[in-house]
Amino acid sequence: MGLFKGLVFTLALLLIMAAVTGIGVNWGTQATHPLPPPTVVRMITDNGIQKVKLFDVDSSILNALSNSGVQVMVGIPNDMLSALANSVQAAENWVATNVSTHVSSNGLDIR
């Protein structure tokens, strides 16, 4: 009976591992001793991390991630959610300023 449970566990683990498409991390900027963005990007890529979620739009971070091969998801600050949800123009302006500029000029992979 113990061998059967072990085989079922191993099979389930293998199925879960086969379904994973990438490992990602969250990257926030609220730190007392932040590392330089190029150093963090090097740590991310050296560890095989393929995706990152940014909680803050920061040009130096986005520039460091350019051409790194890391997929980026940019979060909208909570205090801007209402304004962006209620105004298409405000949302378009935010995307143009914080996303489009980096995609077209830096080859950044923002999803």
N, C-alpha and C. Protein backbone atom coordinates (compact mmCIF):
# COMPACT_ATOMS: atom_id res chain seq x y z
N MET A 1 0.82 -1.19 0.00
CA MET A 1 0.00 0.00 0.00
C MET A 1 0.86 1.25 0.00
N GLY A 2 1.98 1.28 0.76
CA GLY A 2 2.87 2.42 0.84
C GLY A 2 3.55 2.70 -0.50
N LEU A 3 3.90 1.64 -1.22
CA LEU A 3 4.53 1.79 -2.54
C LEU A 3 3.55 2.42 -3.51
N PHE A 4 2.29 2.02 -3.45
CA PHE A 4 1.27 2.58 -4.35
C PHE A 4 1.09 4.07 -4.10
N LYS A 5 1.04 4.48 -2.84
CA LYS A 5 0.90 5.90 -2.51
C LYS A 5 2.11 6.69 -3.00
N GLY A 6 3.28 6.11 -2.86
CA GLY A 6 4.50 6.77 -3.34
C GLY A 6 4.50 6.95 -4.84
N LEU A 7 4.03 5.93 -5.57
CA LEU A 7 3.95 6.04 -7.02
C LEU A 7 2.91 7.08 -7.46
N VAL A 8 1.78 7.12 -6.79
CA VAL A 8 0.75 8.11 -7.11
C VAL A 8 1.28 9.51 -6.83
N PHE A 9 1.95 9.71 -5.71
CA PHE A 9 2.53 11.01 -5.38
C PHE A 9 3.55 11.44 -6.43
N THR A 10 4.43 10.51 -6.81
CA THR A 10 5.46 10.82 -7.80
C THR A 10 4.83 11.16 -9.14
N LEU A 11 3.82 10.43 -9.56
CA LEU A 11 3.13 10.71 -10.82
C LEU A 11 2.45 12.07 -10.77
N ALA A 12 1.80 12.39 -9.67
CA ALA A 12 1.14 13.69 -9.53
C ALA A 12 2.16 14.82 -9.58
N LEU A 13 3.30 14.62 -8.93
CA LEU A 13 4.35 15.63 -8.93
C LEU A 13 4.90 15.84 -10.34
N LEU A 14 5.09 14.78 -11.07
CA LEU A 14 5.58 14.90 -12.45
C LEU A 14 4.57 15.62 -13.34
N LEU A 15 3.30 15.35 -13.15
CA LEU A 15 2.27 16.04 -13.94
C LEU A 15 2.23 17.53 -13.63
N ILE A 16 2.38 17.87 -12.37
CA ILE A 16 2.39 19.29 -11.98
C ILE A 16 3.61 19.98 -12.58
N MET A 17 4.76 19.34 -12.50
CA MET A 17 5.99 19.94 -13.03
C MET A 17 5.90 20.12 -14.54
N ALA A 18 5.24 19.22 -15.24
CA ALA A 18 5.11 19.33 -16.69
C ALA A 18 4.19 20.48 -17.07
N ALA A 19 3.27 20.86 -16.18
CA ALA A 19 2.31 21.92 -16.49
C ALA A 19 2.87 23.32 -16.24
N VAL A 20 3.97 23.44 -15.53
CA VAL A 20 4.55 24.76 -15.22
C VAL A 20 5.20 25.32 -16.46
N THR A 21 4.85 26.57 -16.80
CA THR A 21 5.41 27.18 -18.00
C THR A 21 6.49 28.20 -17.71
N GLY A 22 6.74 28.51 -16.48
CA GLY A 22 7.79 29.45 -16.15
C GLY A 22 7.73 29.84 -14.69
N ILE A 23 8.87 30.25 -14.19
CA ILE A 23 8.95 30.70 -12.82
C ILE A 23 9.03 32.22 -12.83
N GLY A 24 8.29 32.85 -11.94
CA GLY A 24 8.29 34.30 -11.89
C GLY A 24 8.49 34.82 -10.49
N VAL A 25 8.81 36.11 -10.41
CA VAL A 25 9.00 36.76 -9.11
C VAL A 25 8.29 38.11 -9.12
N ASN A 26 8.00 38.60 -7.95
CA ASN A 26 7.47 39.95 -7.78
C ASN A 26 8.63 40.86 -7.44
N TRP A 27 8.60 42.08 -8.00
CA TRP A 27 9.68 43.03 -7.75
C TRP A 27 9.06 44.35 -7.31
N GLY A 28 9.20 44.67 -6.06
CA GLY A 28 8.73 45.94 -5.53
C GLY A 28 9.90 46.86 -5.27
N THR A 29 9.61 48.13 -5.10
CA THR A 29 10.69 49.11 -4.90
C THR A 29 10.71 49.68 -3.49
N GLN A 30 9.86 49.21 -2.62
CA GLN A 30 9.82 49.70 -1.24
C GLN A 30 10.83 48.92 -0.41
N ALA A 31 12.08 49.35 -0.46
CA ALA A 31 13.13 48.67 0.28
C ALA A 31 14.07 49.71 0.90
N THR A 32 14.67 49.35 2.00
CA THR A 32 15.60 50.29 2.65
C THR A 32 16.96 50.30 1.95
N HIS A 33 17.33 49.19 1.36
CA HIS A 33 18.62 49.08 0.67
C HIS A 33 18.43 48.42 -0.69
N PRO A 34 17.80 49.12 -1.64
CA PRO A 34 17.54 48.49 -2.94
C PRO A 34 18.84 48.25 -3.72
N LEU A 35 18.85 47.14 -4.42
CA LEU A 35 19.98 46.83 -5.29
C LEU A 35 19.81 47.58 -6.61
N PRO A 36 20.90 47.86 -7.31
CA PRO A 36 20.78 48.50 -8.62
C PRO A 36 20.01 47.57 -9.58
N PRO A 37 19.11 48.13 -10.39
CA PRO A 37 18.32 47.29 -11.30
C PRO A 37 19.14 46.33 -12.17
N PRO A 38 20.28 46.74 -12.74
CA PRO A 38 21.05 45.76 -13.54
C PRO A 38 21.50 44.55 -12.72
N THR A 39 21.80 44.75 -11.45
CA THR A 39 22.21 43.65 -10.58
C THR A 39 21.04 42.70 -10.35
N VAL A 40 19.85 43.24 -10.11
CA VAL A 40 18.66 42.42 -9.89
C VAL A 40 18.32 41.64 -11.15
N VAL A 41 18.39 42.28 -12.31
CA VAL A 41 18.10 41.60 -13.57
C VAL A 41 19.09 40.46 -13.79
N ARG A 42 20.35 40.69 -13.49
CA ARG A 42 21.35 39.63 -13.63
C ARG A 42 21.03 38.46 -12.69
N MET A 43 20.60 38.76 -11.46
CA MET A 43 20.23 37.70 -10.52
C MET A 43 19.02 36.93 -11.03
N ILE A 44 18.06 37.65 -11.60
CA ILE A 44 16.85 37.01 -12.13
C ILE A 44 17.21 36.06 -13.27
N THR A 45 17.99 36.54 -14.22
CA THR A 45 18.32 35.71 -15.39
C THR A 45 19.27 34.57 -15.01
N ASP A 46 20.23 34.83 -14.11
CA ASP A 46 21.16 33.77 -13.68
C ASP A 46 20.44 32.63 -12.98
N ASN A 47 19.29 32.91 -12.38
CA ASN A 47 18.53 31.88 -11.67
C ASN A 47 17.42 31.27 -12.52
N GLY A 48 17.41 31.59 -13.80
CA GLY A 48 16.45 30.97 -14.71
C GLY A 48 15.03 31.47 -14.56
N ILE A 49 14.85 32.61 -13.93
CA ILE A 49 13.51 33.17 -13.76
C ILE A 49 13.10 33.82 -15.08
N GLN A 50 11.89 33.52 -15.52
CA GLN A 50 11.45 33.95 -16.84
C GLN A 50 10.41 35.06 -16.82
N LYS A 51 9.83 35.32 -15.66
CA LYS A 51 8.75 36.31 -15.57
C LYS A 51 8.92 37.15 -14.32
N VAL A 52 8.54 38.44 -14.42
CA VAL A 52 8.61 39.32 -13.27
C VAL A 52 7.40 40.24 -13.27
N LYS A 53 6.86 40.46 -12.08
CA LYS A 53 5.77 41.42 -11.92
C LYS A 53 6.32 42.62 -11.19
N LEU A 54 6.15 43.80 -11.78
CA LEU A 54 6.58 45.04 -11.16
C LEU A 54 5.39 45.71 -10.51
N PHE A 55 5.56 46.11 -9.26
CA PHE A 55 4.48 46.79 -8.56
C PHE A 55 4.50 48.29 -8.82
N ASP A 56 5.65 48.79 -9.24
CA ASP A 56 5.80 50.20 -9.54
C ASP A 56 6.42 50.33 -10.92
N VAL A 57 5.99 51.32 -11.66
CA VAL A 57 6.61 51.60 -12.95
C VAL A 57 7.84 52.46 -12.69
N ASP A 58 8.98 51.93 -13.01
CA ASP A 58 10.24 52.63 -12.79
C ASP A 58 11.07 52.49 -14.05
N SER A 59 11.40 53.62 -14.68
CA SER A 59 12.13 53.59 -15.95
C SER A 59 13.47 52.88 -15.84
N SER A 60 14.18 53.06 -14.73
CA SER A 60 15.48 52.41 -14.61
C SER A 60 15.34 50.89 -14.54
N ILE A 61 14.28 50.42 -13.91
CA ILE A 61 14.04 48.97 -13.85
C ILE A 61 13.64 48.46 -15.23
N LEU A 62 12.73 49.16 -15.90
CA LEU A 62 12.29 48.74 -17.23
C LEU A 62 13.46 48.77 -18.22
N ASN A 63 14.31 49.77 -18.12
CA ASN A 63 15.49 49.83 -19.00
C ASN A 63 16.44 48.67 -18.73
N ALA A 64 16.62 48.31 -17.46
CA ALA A 64 17.49 47.19 -17.11
C ALA A 64 16.93 45.87 -17.63
N LEU A 65 15.61 45.75 -17.69
CA LEU A 65 14.97 44.52 -18.17
C LEU A 65 14.93 44.42 -19.69
N SER A 66 15.25 45.51 -20.39
CA SER A 66 15.17 45.48 -21.84
C SER A 66 16.14 44.46 -22.42
N ASN A 67 15.66 43.74 -23.40
CA ASN A 67 16.44 42.70 -24.10
C ASN A 67 16.99 41.62 -23.18
N SER A 68 16.36 41.42 -22.02
CA SER A 68 16.81 40.39 -21.09
C SER A 68 16.14 39.04 -21.35
N GLY A 69 15.04 39.06 -22.10
CA GLY A 69 14.29 37.83 -22.33
C GLY A 69 13.30 37.53 -21.22
N VAL A 70 13.22 38.40 -20.22
CA VAL A 70 12.29 38.21 -19.12
C VAL A 70 10.97 38.88 -19.46
N GLN A 71 9.87 38.14 -19.31
CA GLN A 71 8.54 38.71 -19.53
C GLN A 71 8.18 39.57 -18.33
N VAL A 72 7.60 40.74 -18.61
CA VAL A 72 7.30 41.70 -17.56
C VAL A 72 5.80 41.97 -17.49
N MET A 73 5.27 41.99 -16.28
CA MET A 73 3.90 42.43 -16.05
C MET A 73 3.99 43.65 -15.15
N VAL A 74 3.38 44.75 -15.58
CA VAL A 74 3.44 46.00 -14.83
C VAL A 74 2.13 46.20 -14.10
N GLY A 75 2.21 46.45 -12.80
CA GLY A 75 1.03 46.72 -12.00
C GLY A 75 0.66 48.19 -12.03
N ILE A 76 -0.61 48.45 -11.93
CA ILE A 76 -1.11 49.82 -11.85
C ILE A 76 -1.22 50.17 -10.37
N PRO A 77 -0.70 51.33 -9.96
CA PRO A 77 -0.80 51.72 -8.55
C PRO A 77 -2.26 51.78 -8.09
N ASN A 78 -2.52 51.33 -6.88
CA ASN A 78 -3.88 51.29 -6.35
C ASN A 78 -4.57 52.64 -6.38
N ASP A 79 -3.82 53.70 -6.11
CA ASP A 79 -4.45 55.02 -6.07
C ASP A 79 -4.84 55.53 -7.46
N MET A 80 -4.45 54.82 -8.50
CA MET A 80 -4.80 55.22 -9.87
C MET A 80 -5.89 54.35 -10.49
N LEU A 81 -6.26 53.27 -9.82
CA LEU A 81 -7.22 52.33 -10.40
C LEU A 81 -8.55 52.98 -10.76
N SER A 82 -9.10 53.75 -9.86
CA SER A 82 -10.39 54.37 -10.10
C SER A 82 -10.33 55.33 -11.29
N ALA A 83 -9.31 56.17 -11.33
CA ALA A 83 -9.19 57.14 -12.43
C ALA A 83 -9.01 56.44 -13.77
N LEU A 84 -8.21 55.40 -13.80
CA LEU A 84 -7.97 54.69 -15.06
C LEU A 84 -9.19 53.88 -15.49
N ALA A 85 -9.94 53.36 -14.53
CA ALA A 85 -11.14 52.60 -14.84
C ALA A 85 -12.26 53.48 -15.37
N ASN A 86 -12.26 54.74 -14.97
CA ASN A 86 -13.33 55.65 -15.36
C ASN A 86 -13.02 56.55 -16.53
N SER A 87 -11.81 56.48 -17.06
CA SER A 87 -11.45 57.35 -18.17
C SER A 87 -10.57 56.59 -19.15
N VAL A 88 -11.11 56.35 -20.34
CA VAL A 88 -10.33 55.68 -21.37
C VAL A 88 -9.11 56.51 -21.72
N GLN A 89 -9.28 57.81 -21.81
CA GLN A 89 -8.15 58.69 -22.15
C GLN A 89 -7.05 58.62 -21.10
N ALA A 90 -7.42 58.61 -19.83
CA ALA A 90 -6.42 58.51 -18.76
C ALA A 90 -5.69 57.17 -18.84
N ALA A 91 -6.42 56.10 -19.12
CA ALA A 91 -5.81 54.78 -19.26
C ALA A 91 -4.86 54.73 -20.45
N GLU A 92 -5.29 55.30 -21.57
CA GLU A 92 -4.43 55.32 -22.76
C GLU A 92 -3.16 56.14 -22.51
N ASN A 93 -3.31 57.25 -21.81
CA ASN A 93 -2.14 58.08 -21.50
C ASN A 93 -1.17 57.33 -20.57
N TRP A 94 -1.72 56.63 -19.57
CA TRP A 94 -0.87 55.88 -18.64
C TRP A 94 -0.10 54.79 -19.39
N VAL A 95 -0.80 54.07 -20.26
CA VAL A 95 -0.13 53.00 -21.02
C VAL A 95 0.92 53.59 -21.95
N ALA A 96 0.59 54.69 -22.62
CA ALA A 96 1.55 55.32 -23.53
C ALA A 96 2.81 55.76 -22.79
N THR A 97 2.64 56.32 -21.61
CA THR A 97 3.76 56.83 -20.83
C THR A 97 4.57 55.71 -20.17
N ASN A 98 3.88 54.71 -19.62
CA ASN A 98 4.54 53.72 -18.78
C ASN A 98 4.82 52.38 -19.44
N VAL A 99 4.17 52.11 -20.57
CA VAL A 99 4.34 50.80 -21.20
C VAL A 99 4.85 50.94 -22.63
N SER A 100 4.11 51.63 -23.47
CA SER A 100 4.42 51.69 -24.89
C SER A 100 5.82 52.22 -25.17
N THR A 101 6.24 53.21 -24.43
CA THR A 101 7.55 53.79 -24.63
C THR A 101 8.65 52.75 -24.50
N HIS A 102 8.52 51.88 -23.51
CA HIS A 102 9.55 50.88 -23.26
C HIS A 102 9.47 49.70 -24.22
N VAL A 103 8.28 49.38 -24.67
CA VAL A 103 8.13 48.27 -25.60
C VAL A 103 8.75 48.63 -26.94
N SER A 104 8.45 49.82 -27.44
CA SER A 104 8.93 50.18 -28.76
C SER A 104 10.40 50.55 -28.79
N SER A 105 10.91 51.21 -27.74
CA SER A 105 12.29 51.67 -27.79
C SER A 105 13.29 50.70 -27.17
N ASN A 106 12.85 49.84 -26.26
CA ASN A 106 13.79 48.99 -25.54
C ASN A 106 13.63 47.49 -25.80
N GLY A 107 12.67 47.13 -26.62
CA GLY A 107 12.47 45.70 -26.87
C GLY A 107 12.03 44.94 -25.64
N LEU A 108 11.28 45.60 -24.76
CA LEU A 108 10.83 44.98 -23.53
C LEU A 108 9.60 44.12 -23.80
N ASP A 109 9.55 42.95 -23.19
CA ASP A 109 8.44 42.02 -23.36
C ASP A 109 7.43 42.21 -22.22
N ILE A 110 6.52 43.17 -22.41
CA ILE A 110 5.51 43.44 -21.39
C ILE A 110 4.23 42.73 -21.78
N ARG A 111 3.69 41.96 -20.85
CA ARG A 111 2.45 41.21 -21.12
C ARG A 111 1.30 41.83 -20.39
